[in-house]
N, C-alpha and C. Protein backbone atom coordinates (compact mmCIF):
# COMPACT_ATOMS: atom_id res chain seq x y z
N UNK A 1 -38.02 5.65 -47.35
CA UNK A 1 -39.35 6.85 -47.69
C UNK A 1 -39.10 7.87 -46.25
N UNK A 2 -39.13 9.33 -46.25
CA UNK A 2 -38.69 9.93 -45.35
C UNK A 2 -40.04 9.93 -44.48
N UNK A 3 -41.59 9.58 -44.58
CA UNK A 3 -42.42 9.73 -43.80
C UNK A 3 -42.31 8.96 -42.46
N UNK A 4 -41.03 8.00 -42.55
CA UNK A 4 -40.62 6.70 -41.89
C UNK A 4 -39.81 7.75 -40.48
N UNK A 5 -39.12 8.60 -41.07
CA UNK A 5 -38.15 9.28 -40.52
C UNK A 5 -38.98 10.25 -39.23
N UNK A 6 -38.50 10.27 -38.54
CA UNK A 6 -38.14 11.29 -37.37
C UNK A 6 -37.36 12.43 -37.06
N UNK A 7 -38.07 13.79 -37.23
CA UNK A 7 -37.53 15.11 -37.51
C UNK A 7 -37.12 15.86 -35.85
N UNK A 8 -36.52 16.73 -35.52
CA UNK A 8 -36.55 17.65 -34.77
C UNK A 8 -37.34 18.85 -35.46
N UNK A 9 -37.97 19.32 -34.46
CA UNK A 9 -38.70 20.39 -34.93
C UNK A 9 -38.25 21.57 -33.83
N UNK A 10 -38.12 22.82 -34.29
CA UNK A 10 -37.31 23.63 -32.94
C UNK A 10 -38.89 23.97 -32.35
N UNK A 11 -38.41 24.38 -31.70
CA UNK A 11 -40.10 25.45 -30.67
C UNK A 11 -40.58 26.83 -31.10
N UNK A 12 -41.56 26.84 -31.33
CA UNK A 12 -41.90 28.38 -32.15
C UNK A 12 -41.35 29.37 -31.33
N UNK A 13 -41.20 30.20 -32.43
CA UNK A 13 -40.10 31.73 -31.90
C UNK A 13 -41.32 32.52 -31.12
N UNK A 14 -40.64 33.30 -30.16
CA UNK A 14 -41.71 34.38 -29.71
C UNK A 14 -41.03 36.06 -30.20
N UNK A 15 -42.29 36.32 -30.09
CA UNK A 15 -41.77 37.87 -30.77
C UNK A 15 -42.33 39.03 -29.52
N UNK A 16 -41.39 40.33 -29.46
CA UNK A 16 -41.93 41.27 -27.97
C UNK A 16 -42.30 42.41 -29.48
N UNK A 17 -42.55 42.14 -31.27
CA UNK A 17 -42.85 43.22 -31.69
C UNK A 17 -43.32 42.35 -32.29
N UNK A 18 -44.78 43.12 -32.98
CA UNK A 18 -45.66 42.44 -33.74
C UNK A 18 -44.74 41.93 -35.42
N UNK A 19 -44.96 40.60 -35.83
CA UNK A 19 -44.18 40.48 -37.04
C UNK A 19 -45.16 40.48 -38.42
N UNK A 20 -44.41 40.71 -39.79
CA UNK A 20 -45.22 40.83 -40.33
C UNK A 20 -44.55 39.72 -41.78
N UNK A 21 -45.61 38.93 -42.17
CA UNK A 21 -44.82 37.96 -43.59
C UNK A 21 -45.37 38.33 -44.78
N UNK A 22 -44.62 38.19 -45.67
CA UNK A 22 -45.60 38.01 -46.86
C UNK A 22 -45.26 36.58 -47.53
N UNK A 23 -46.27 35.82 -47.65
CA UNK A 23 -46.24 34.71 -48.62
C UNK A 23 -46.57 34.70 -49.50
N UNK A 24 -45.35 34.55 -50.27
CA UNK A 24 -45.54 34.16 -52.29
C UNK A 24 -45.85 32.42 -52.65
N UNK A 25 -46.73 33.07 -53.58
CA UNK A 25 -47.16 31.70 -53.87
C UNK A 25 -47.02 31.84 -55.52
N UNK A 26 -46.63 30.20 -56.19
CA UNK A 26 -47.14 30.14 -57.38
C UNK A 26 -48.23 28.92 -57.71
N UNK A 27 -49.71 29.62 -58.00
CA UNK A 27 -50.16 28.98 -57.98
C UNK A 27 -50.23 27.33 -59.15
N UNK A 28 -49.13 27.20 -59.74
CA UNK A 28 -49.05 26.53 -60.85
C UNK A 28 -49.69 25.58 -60.95
N UNK A 29 -49.64 24.54 -59.59
CA UNK A 29 -50.32 23.55 -58.86
C UNK A 29 -51.42 23.98 -58.16
N UNK A 30 -52.82 24.55 -58.01
CA UNK A 30 -53.36 25.42 -57.67
C UNK A 30 -53.98 24.42 -56.23
N UNK A 31 -54.37 23.29 -56.12
CA UNK A 31 -54.47 22.59 -54.98
C UNK A 31 -52.98 22.20 -54.02
N UNK A 32 -52.42 22.01 -54.53
CA UNK A 32 -51.07 22.08 -53.72
C UNK A 32 -51.01 23.30 -53.14
N UNK A 33 -50.63 24.28 -53.69
CA UNK A 33 -50.48 25.27 -53.28
C UNK A 33 -51.13 25.95 -52.38
N UNK A 34 -52.26 25.84 -52.78
CA UNK A 34 -53.61 26.43 -51.76
C UNK A 34 -53.48 24.97 -50.35
N UNK A 35 -52.87 23.89 -50.41
CA UNK A 35 -52.51 23.43 -49.07
C UNK A 35 -51.06 23.98 -48.20
N UNK A 36 -50.19 24.14 -49.11
CA UNK A 36 -49.09 24.88 -49.10
C UNK A 36 -49.32 26.46 -48.15
N UNK A 37 -50.15 26.98 -48.73
CA UNK A 37 -50.37 28.11 -47.92
C UNK A 37 -51.58 27.95 -46.64
N UNK A 38 -51.86 27.14 -47.08
CA UNK A 38 -52.91 26.86 -45.64
C UNK A 38 -51.65 26.73 -44.64
N UNK A 39 -50.90 26.07 -44.83
CA UNK A 39 -49.84 25.25 -43.68
C UNK A 39 -49.29 26.20 -43.21
N UNK A 40 -48.73 27.24 -44.53
CA UNK A 40 -48.21 28.76 -43.58
C UNK A 40 -48.87 29.64 -42.83
N UNK A 41 -49.82 29.90 -43.43
CA UNK A 41 -50.63 30.70 -42.75
C UNK A 41 -51.14 30.15 -41.02
N UNK A 42 -51.46 28.97 -41.23
CA UNK A 42 -51.55 28.20 -39.77
C UNK A 42 -49.89 28.83 -38.36
N UNK A 43 -49.12 28.32 -39.62
CA UNK A 43 -47.82 28.39 -38.61
C UNK A 43 -47.96 29.96 -38.12
N UNK A 44 -47.99 31.13 -39.36
CA UNK A 44 -47.51 32.70 -38.86
C UNK A 44 -48.67 32.58 -38.10
N UNK A 45 -50.20 31.99 -37.93
CA UNK A 45 -50.78 33.13 -36.96
C UNK A 45 -50.53 32.07 -35.52
N UNK A 46 -50.04 30.95 -35.39
CA UNK A 46 -49.72 30.29 -34.18
C UNK A 46 -48.66 31.04 -33.80
N UNK A 47 -47.75 31.86 -34.29
CA UNK A 47 -46.48 32.53 -33.70
C UNK A 47 -47.04 34.20 -33.41
N UNK A 48 -48.13 34.59 -33.84
CA UNK A 48 -48.48 35.77 -33.86
C UNK A 48 -48.55 36.80 -34.72
N UNK A 49 -48.10 36.03 -36.07
CA UNK A 49 -47.78 37.15 -37.36
C UNK A 49 -48.64 37.38 -37.81
N UNK A 50 -48.80 38.24 -38.72
CA UNK A 50 -49.85 38.54 -39.89
C UNK A 50 -49.04 37.99 -40.92
N UNK A 51 -49.86 38.14 -41.74
CA UNK A 51 -49.64 38.11 -43.66
C UNK A 51 -50.31 38.49 -44.52
N UNK A 52 -49.76 38.89 -45.60
CA UNK A 52 -50.05 38.99 -46.57
C UNK A 52 -49.76 38.04 -47.45
N UNK A 53 -50.66 37.55 -48.96
CA UNK A 53 -50.67 37.00 -49.68
C UNK A 53 -50.28 37.76 -50.77
N UNK A 54 -49.43 37.08 -52.19
CA UNK A 54 -49.61 37.31 -53.71
C UNK A 54 -49.02 36.07 -54.65
N UNK A 55 -49.67 36.30 -55.40
CA UNK A 55 -48.86 35.20 -56.46
C UNK A 55 -48.14 35.65 -57.78
N UNK A 56 -47.76 34.49 -57.94
CA UNK A 56 -46.61 35.37 -58.99
C UNK A 56 -47.10 33.52 -59.59
N UNK A 57 -47.07 33.90 -61.61
CA UNK A 57 -47.39 32.67 -62.49
C UNK A 57 -46.30 31.62 -62.25
N UNK A 58 -45.54 31.35 -61.91
CA UNK A 58 -44.28 30.00 -61.38
C UNK A 58 -43.50 30.33 -60.63
N UNK A 59 -42.30 29.13 -60.30
CA UNK A 59 -41.89 29.16 -59.04
C UNK A 59 -40.53 30.24 -59.43
N UNK A 60 -40.02 30.41 -60.53
CA UNK A 60 -38.96 31.37 -60.80
C UNK A 60 -39.14 32.83 -60.57
N UNK A 61 -40.63 33.19 -60.50
CA UNK A 61 -41.32 34.53 -60.30
C UNK A 61 -40.89 34.73 -58.78
N UNK A 62 -41.18 33.34 -58.46
CA UNK A 62 -40.95 33.96 -57.00
C UNK A 62 -39.69 34.71 -56.12
N UNK A 63 -38.45 34.38 -56.01
CA UNK A 63 -37.36 35.48 -55.87
C UNK A 63 -37.26 36.76 -56.65
N UNK A 64 -37.82 36.97 -57.52
CA UNK A 64 -38.24 38.57 -58.48
C UNK A 64 -39.10 39.01 -57.58
N UNK A 65 -40.61 38.48 -56.69
CA UNK A 65 -41.61 39.16 -56.70
C UNK A 65 -40.81 39.33 -55.01
N UNK A 66 -39.85 38.30 -54.49
CA UNK A 66 -39.56 38.83 -52.79
C UNK A 66 -38.18 40.04 -53.00
N UNK A 67 -37.98 39.98 -53.81
CA UNK A 67 -36.71 41.16 -54.12
C UNK A 67 -37.79 42.41 -54.25
N UNK A 68 -38.50 42.32 -55.53
CA UNK A 68 -39.51 43.60 -55.33
C UNK A 68 -40.32 43.99 -53.76
N UNK A 69 -40.95 43.00 -53.62
CA UNK A 69 -41.17 43.09 -52.21
C UNK A 69 -40.26 43.84 -50.81
N UNK A 70 -39.29 43.45 -51.20
CA UNK A 70 -38.25 43.85 -50.27
C UNK A 70 -37.63 45.42 -50.42
N UNK A 71 -37.78 45.74 -51.51
CA UNK A 71 -37.49 46.67 -52.22
C UNK A 71 -38.38 48.18 -51.64
N UNK A 72 -39.60 47.68 -51.93
CA UNK A 72 -40.74 48.83 -52.08
C UNK A 72 -41.76 48.45 -50.90
N UNK A 73 -41.44 48.14 -49.90
CA UNK A 73 -42.71 47.54 -48.32
C UNK A 73 -41.76 47.16 -47.68
N UNK A 74 -42.61 46.70 -46.85
CA UNK A 74 -41.70 46.85 -45.16
C UNK A 74 -42.44 45.37 -44.39
N UNK A 75 -41.77 44.60 -45.15
CA UNK A 75 -42.07 42.74 -44.86
C UNK A 75 -41.24 42.63 -43.43
N UNK A 76 -41.19 41.72 -42.65
CA UNK A 76 -40.02 41.38 -41.62
C UNK A 76 -39.38 40.10 -42.67
N UNK A 77 -40.08 39.12 -43.18
CA UNK A 77 -39.81 37.93 -43.48
C UNK A 77 -40.78 37.26 -44.50
N UNK A 78 -40.64 36.41 -45.37
CA UNK A 78 -40.74 36.07 -46.99
C UNK A 78 -41.32 34.72 -46.33
N UNK A 79 -42.16 34.09 -47.23
CA UNK A 79 -42.40 32.61 -47.20
C UNK A 79 -42.54 32.35 -49.09
N UNK A 80 -41.84 31.63 -49.89
CA UNK A 80 -42.14 31.41 -50.98
C UNK A 80 -42.10 29.79 -51.23
N UNK A 81 -43.86 29.98 -51.97
CA UNK A 81 -44.74 28.17 -52.34
C UNK A 81 -44.62 28.26 -53.21
N UNK A 82 -44.36 26.91 -53.54
CA UNK A 82 -44.74 26.84 -55.16
C UNK A 82 -44.27 24.94 -55.44
N UNK A 83 -45.00 24.54 -56.78
CA UNK A 83 -44.29 23.13 -56.33
C UNK A 83 -44.16 22.66 -58.19
N UNK A 84 -42.90 22.02 -58.44
CA UNK A 84 -42.20 21.71 -59.37
C UNK A 84 -42.60 20.27 -59.68
N UNK A 85 -42.54 20.12 -60.37
CA UNK A 85 -42.85 18.02 -60.72
C UNK A 85 -42.09 17.78 -61.66
N UNK A 86 -41.47 17.50 -61.83
CA UNK A 86 -40.42 16.36 -62.80
C UNK A 86 -41.03 16.27 -64.17
N UNK A 87 -40.99 16.58 -65.28
CA UNK A 87 -41.19 16.76 -66.76
C UNK A 87 -40.40 15.51 -67.35
N UNK A 88 -40.16 15.92 -68.39
CA UNK A 88 -39.96 14.97 -69.45
C UNK A 88 -38.46 15.56 -70.11
N UNK A 89 -38.28 16.90 -69.70
CA UNK A 89 -37.66 17.67 -69.77
C UNK A 89 -36.46 18.38 -69.02
N UNK A 90 -35.85 19.22 -69.11
CA UNK A 90 -34.90 19.45 -68.49
C UNK A 90 -34.73 20.57 -67.75
N UNK A 91 -36.41 21.48 -67.87
CA UNK A 91 -36.61 22.26 -67.30
C UNK A 91 -37.11 21.88 -66.76
N UNK A 92 -37.40 21.29 -65.47
CA UNK A 92 -37.34 21.12 -64.06
C UNK A 92 -36.31 21.50 -63.18
N UNK A 93 -34.61 21.21 -64.04
CA UNK A 93 -33.64 21.46 -63.48
C UNK A 93 -33.61 22.54 -63.08
N UNK A 94 -33.63 23.72 -63.96
CA UNK A 94 -33.34 24.69 -64.34
C UNK A 94 -34.16 25.58 -63.52
N UNK A 95 -35.34 24.96 -63.38
CA UNK A 95 -36.50 26.18 -62.38
C UNK A 95 -36.23 25.72 -60.59
N UNK A 96 -36.10 24.35 -61.09
CA UNK A 96 -35.18 23.93 -59.36
C UNK A 96 -34.37 25.20 -59.04
N UNK A 97 -33.17 24.37 -59.27
CA UNK A 97 -31.99 25.02 -59.30
C UNK A 97 -31.87 26.66 -59.02
N UNK A 98 -32.56 27.84 -60.22
CA UNK A 98 -32.33 28.81 -60.41
C UNK A 98 -33.42 29.50 -59.66
N UNK A 99 -34.39 28.47 -59.08
CA UNK A 99 -35.56 29.92 -57.86
C UNK A 99 -34.60 28.98 -56.56
N UNK A 100 -33.98 28.30 -56.35
CA UNK A 100 -33.48 28.18 -54.87
C UNK A 100 -32.44 28.85 -55.12
N UNK A 101 -31.46 28.65 -55.67
CA UNK A 101 -30.34 29.61 -56.02
C UNK A 101 -30.42 31.29 -55.37
N UNK A 102 -31.36 31.67 -56.36
CA UNK A 102 -31.76 32.71 -56.24
C UNK A 102 -32.44 33.21 -54.61
N UNK A 103 -33.23 32.79 -54.02
CA UNK A 103 -33.80 32.91 -52.81
C UNK A 103 -32.39 32.56 -52.07
N UNK A 104 -31.77 31.44 -51.71
CA UNK A 104 -30.59 31.56 -50.74
C UNK A 104 -29.78 32.76 -50.81
N UNK A 105 -29.41 33.72 -52.09
CA UNK A 105 -28.49 34.27 -52.10
C UNK A 105 -29.31 35.52 -51.94
N UNK A 106 -29.97 36.29 -51.74
CA UNK A 106 -30.93 36.63 -51.11
C UNK A 106 -31.09 36.13 -49.66
N UNK A 107 -30.67 35.42 -49.14
CA UNK A 107 -31.08 34.97 -47.79
C UNK A 107 -29.58 35.44 -46.77
N UNK A 108 -28.73 34.99 -47.85
CA UNK A 108 -27.25 35.59 -47.71
C UNK A 108 -26.80 36.74 -47.40
N UNK A 109 -27.94 37.56 -47.95
CA UNK A 109 -27.98 39.36 -47.63
C UNK A 109 -29.43 39.56 -46.98
N UNK A 110 -29.08 38.89 -45.89
CA UNK A 110 -30.01 39.07 -44.82
C UNK A 110 -31.50 38.84 -44.82
N UNK A 111 -32.55 38.59 -45.87
CA UNK A 111 -33.51 38.53 -45.72
C UNK A 111 -33.93 37.21 -45.61
N UNK A 112 -34.99 37.42 -44.43
CA UNK A 112 -35.53 36.01 -43.90
C UNK A 112 -36.37 35.95 -44.53
N UNK A 113 -36.11 34.38 -45.27
CA UNK A 113 -36.95 33.74 -46.35
C UNK A 113 -37.17 32.83 -45.87
N UNK A 114 -38.07 31.88 -45.88
CA UNK A 114 -38.67 30.37 -45.78
C UNK A 114 -39.04 29.73 -46.94
N UNK A 115 -37.74 29.14 -47.85
CA UNK A 115 -38.01 28.02 -49.05
C UNK A 115 -39.05 26.95 -49.05
N UNK A 116 -40.12 27.48 -49.75
CA UNK A 116 -41.39 25.97 -49.45
C UNK A 116 -41.56 25.74 -51.01
N UNK A 117 -40.41 25.50 -51.54
CA UNK A 117 -40.55 25.61 -53.00
C UNK A 117 -40.53 23.70 -52.72
N UNK A 118 -41.77 23.00 -53.61
CA UNK A 118 -40.93 22.15 -53.17
C UNK A 118 -40.72 20.94 -55.05
N UNK A 119 -39.91 20.52 -54.46
CA UNK A 119 -39.02 19.78 -55.97
C UNK A 119 -39.69 17.86 -55.87
N UNK A 120 -40.26 17.53 -56.66
CA UNK A 120 -40.99 16.31 -56.36
C UNK A 120 -40.97 15.57 -57.82
N UNK A 121 -40.93 14.53 -57.64
CA UNK A 121 -41.02 13.60 -58.99
C UNK A 121 -42.08 13.09 -59.60
N UNK A 122 -43.21 13.81 -58.53
CA UNK A 122 -44.46 12.95 -59.38
C UNK A 122 -45.61 14.30 -58.51
N UNK A 123 -46.71 13.62 -58.50
CA UNK A 123 -47.73 14.49 -57.69
C UNK A 123 -48.62 13.67 -56.44
N UNK A 124 -48.11 12.60 -56.07
CA UNK A 124 -47.92 12.16 -55.21
C UNK A 124 -47.18 12.78 -54.02
N UNK A 125 -46.00 12.68 -54.36
CA UNK A 125 -45.10 13.06 -53.53
C UNK A 125 -45.76 14.58 -52.73
N UNK A 126 -46.01 15.24 -54.29
CA UNK A 126 -46.03 16.61 -54.34
C UNK A 126 -47.30 17.13 -53.34
N UNK A 127 -48.45 16.05 -53.12
CA UNK A 127 -49.53 16.33 -52.63
C UNK A 127 -49.33 15.88 -50.84
N UNK A 128 -48.42 15.05 -50.24
CA UNK A 128 -47.99 14.60 -48.83
C UNK A 128 -47.00 15.67 -48.63
N UNK A 129 -46.17 16.11 -49.12
CA UNK A 129 -45.33 17.32 -48.83
C UNK A 129 -46.23 18.58 -48.25
N UNK A 130 -47.36 18.42 -49.10
CA UNK A 130 -47.96 19.74 -49.07
C UNK A 130 -48.97 20.04 -47.89
N UNK A 131 -49.84 18.74 -47.52
CA UNK A 131 -50.68 18.46 -46.72
C UNK A 131 -50.35 18.91 -45.65
N UNK A 132 -51.44 19.84 -44.99
CA UNK A 132 -50.43 20.29 -44.06
C UNK A 132 -50.61 19.09 -42.39
N UNK A 133 -51.72 18.54 -42.83
CA UNK A 133 -51.88 17.26 -41.97
C UNK A 133 -50.72 15.78 -42.15
N UNK A 134 -50.01 16.33 -43.23
CA UNK A 134 -48.60 15.25 -43.42
C UNK A 134 -48.07 15.59 -43.15
N UNK A 135 -46.86 16.15 -44.70
CA UNK A 135 -45.47 16.43 -43.86
C UNK A 135 -45.75 18.66 -43.88
N UNK A 136 -46.48 19.05 -43.94
CA UNK A 136 -46.76 20.54 -44.44
C UNK A 136 -45.75 21.07 -44.00
N UNK A 137 -44.95 20.70 -45.64
CA UNK A 137 -44.28 22.07 -45.82
C UNK A 137 -44.37 23.25 -46.25
N UNK A 138 -45.29 23.70 -46.27
CA UNK A 138 -46.19 25.14 -45.85
C UNK A 138 -45.93 26.02 -44.71
N UNK A 139 -46.41 25.00 -43.76
CA UNK A 139 -45.74 25.54 -42.50
C UNK A 139 -44.52 25.16 -41.90
N UNK A 140 -43.63 24.42 -42.78
CA UNK A 140 -42.21 24.73 -42.02
C UNK A 140 -41.52 25.58 -43.03
N UNK A 141 -41.27 25.70 -43.93
CA UNK A 141 -40.92 27.39 -44.53
C UNK A 141 -41.87 28.46 -43.81
N UNK A 142 -43.09 28.69 -43.40
CA UNK A 142 -43.50 29.47 -42.58
C UNK A 142 -42.69 29.73 -41.02
N UNK A 143 -42.29 28.90 -40.79
CA UNK A 143 -41.55 28.62 -39.76
C UNK A 143 -39.90 28.99 -39.52
N UNK A 144 -39.37 28.29 -40.77
CA UNK A 144 -37.93 28.72 -41.14
C UNK A 144 -38.12 30.45 -41.43
N UNK A 145 -39.25 30.88 -41.78
CA UNK A 145 -38.75 32.59 -41.66
C UNK A 145 -38.83 33.16 -40.60
N UNK A 146 -39.60 32.87 -40.24
CA UNK A 146 -40.29 33.29 -38.33
C UNK A 146 -39.03 33.12 -37.81
N UNK A 147 -37.89 31.92 -37.98
CA UNK A 147 -37.10 31.69 -36.70
C UNK A 147 -35.63 32.50 -37.39
N UNK A 148 -35.94 32.84 -38.44
CA UNK A 148 -34.92 33.96 -38.84
C UNK A 148 -34.86 35.40 -38.42
N UNK A 149 -36.83 35.73 -38.49
CA UNK A 149 -37.01 36.59 -38.35
C UNK A 149 -36.17 37.40 -36.47
N UNK A 150 -36.95 35.98 -36.05
CA UNK A 150 -36.72 36.02 -33.92
C UNK A 150 -34.48 36.29 -34.15
N UNK A 151 -34.03 35.57 -35.10
CA UNK A 151 -32.55 35.99 -35.10
C UNK A 151 -31.98 37.22 -35.65
N UNK A 152 -32.82 37.50 -36.77
CA UNK A 152 -32.65 38.89 -36.84
C UNK A 152 -32.48 40.20 -36.07
N UNK A 153 -33.54 40.13 -35.27
CA UNK A 153 -34.10 40.98 -34.39
C UNK A 153 -33.36 40.46 -33.05
N UNK A 154 -32.75 39.62 -32.38
CA UNK A 154 -31.92 38.67 -31.77
C UNK A 154 -30.48 39.75 -32.03
N UNK A 155 -30.52 39.57 -32.75
CA UNK A 155 -28.57 40.06 -33.18
C UNK A 155 -28.24 41.58 -33.32
N UNK A 156 -29.49 42.34 -33.78
CA UNK A 156 -30.04 43.59 -34.28
C UNK A 156 -29.72 44.03 -33.05
N UNK A 157 -30.17 43.73 -31.85
CA UNK A 157 -30.24 44.31 -30.57
C UNK A 157 -29.10 44.55 -30.16
N UNK A 158 -28.19 43.02 -30.45
CA UNK A 158 -26.92 43.15 -29.70
C UNK A 158 -26.40 44.05 -30.05
N UNK A 159 -25.39 44.72 -29.20
CA UNK A 159 -24.06 45.52 -29.40
C UNK A 159 -22.95 45.34 -28.46
N UNK A 160 -21.57 45.00 -29.03
CA UNK A 160 -20.84 44.58 -28.80
C UNK A 160 -19.81 45.12 -28.00
N UNK A 161 -20.04 46.61 -28.23
CA UNK A 161 -19.11 47.51 -27.33
C UNK A 161 -17.39 48.00 -27.73
N UNK A 162 -17.57 46.90 -29.30
CA UNK A 162 -15.96 47.21 -29.29
C UNK A 162 -15.87 47.41 -31.05
N UNK A 163 -15.39 48.07 -31.11
CA UNK A 163 -15.10 48.02 -32.82
C UNK A 163 -15.01 50.00 -33.29
N UNK A 164 -15.70 50.47 -34.03
CA UNK A 164 -15.53 52.22 -34.45
C UNK A 164 -16.94 52.26 -33.67
N UNK A 165 -16.94 53.18 -33.81
CA UNK A 165 -18.40 54.14 -33.29
C UNK A 165 -19.20 54.66 -34.31
N UNK A 166 -20.29 55.02 -34.42
CA UNK A 166 -20.76 55.22 -35.97
C UNK A 166 -20.43 56.96 -35.61
N UNK A 167 -20.77 57.80 -37.52
CA UNK A 167 -19.93 59.07 -36.87
C UNK A 167 -20.30 59.67 -36.36
N UNK A 168 -21.91 59.91 -36.28
CA UNK A 168 -22.49 60.34 -34.95
C UNK A 168 -22.35 60.63 -34.13
N UNK A 169 -21.68 59.58 -33.53
CA UNK A 169 -21.11 59.24 -32.09
C UNK A 169 -19.75 60.41 -31.81
N UNK A 170 -18.80 60.16 -32.82
CA UNK A 170 -17.66 60.97 -32.79
C UNK A 170 -17.80 62.51 -33.22
N UNK A 171 -18.97 63.03 -33.59
CA UNK A 171 -19.02 64.78 -33.80
C UNK A 171 -18.81 65.61 -32.29
N UNK A 172 -17.60 66.40 -32.33
CA UNK A 172 -17.34 66.84 -31.77
C UNK A 172 -18.46 68.54 -31.70
N UNK A 173 -18.58 68.78 -30.28
CA UNK A 173 -20.08 69.58 -30.55
C UNK A 173 -18.49 71.29 -29.50
N UNK A 174 -19.69 72.08 -30.27
CA UNK A 174 -18.83 73.12 -30.06
C UNK A 174 -18.28 73.66 -28.94
N UNK A 175 -17.32 73.95 -28.98
CA UNK A 175 -16.41 73.70 -27.18
C UNK A 175 -15.59 73.23 -26.66
N UNK A 176 -16.09 71.34 -27.08
CA UNK A 176 -15.06 70.47 -27.39
C UNK A 176 -13.80 70.26 -27.55
N UNK A 177 -13.02 69.63 -27.07
CA UNK A 177 -11.75 69.55 -27.85
C UNK A 177 -10.84 67.98 -27.43
N UNK A 178 -10.37 67.35 -28.11
CA UNK A 178 -9.77 66.26 -28.29
C UNK A 178 -9.35 66.25 -26.99
N UNK A 179 -8.61 65.80 -25.69
CA UNK A 179 -7.47 65.31 -25.31
C UNK A 179 -8.08 66.47 -23.22
N UNK A 180 -9.55 66.63 -24.04
CA UNK A 180 -10.02 68.01 -22.74
C UNK A 180 -10.40 67.24 -21.77
N UNK A 181 -9.62 67.35 -20.07
CA UNK A 181 -10.16 66.49 -19.30
C UNK A 181 -12.12 66.78 -19.23
N UNK A 182 -12.59 65.69 -18.44
CA UNK A 182 -14.21 65.54 -18.24
C UNK A 182 -14.18 65.89 -16.80
N UNK A 183 -15.38 66.50 -16.34
CA UNK A 183 -15.54 66.91 -15.04
C UNK A 183 -16.19 65.99 -14.17
């Protein structure tokens, strides 16, 4: 069982500019969702990040809400929280696979998303994973989003000094000419 395993946890990222996260939660299992949110909020605040929270009906709506927020607002990162417990039909597989795939696709496009959608066999597994004093998967999802924000800021500031210059730097001013000696 995973509880006996030791896992390495990266040190918390540090930020020189404010970070704002959007926590998007599907409270289908309200008590489990509340624990996930508590863990995410604690982690965000420990890093000095501010946060907003919105709720959606279910795990399939999490990626859509994040996509809308990315187009229409100004968040640095996103935390997707929810829980899918296996039932008697294949709906479980659809919800797990499609929500995860959509979040991953948005991440590959550059969004900083921590995926905290629990996919479990039973309620006891969900409760253990959601509990902030146990596995704290909500806190882990917030940490993932914050680490991705830190990476995007780090690489966004770097200039390699190679390649093409932006068109704005290539504009010649009146009186300039190509090959004109500089003083």
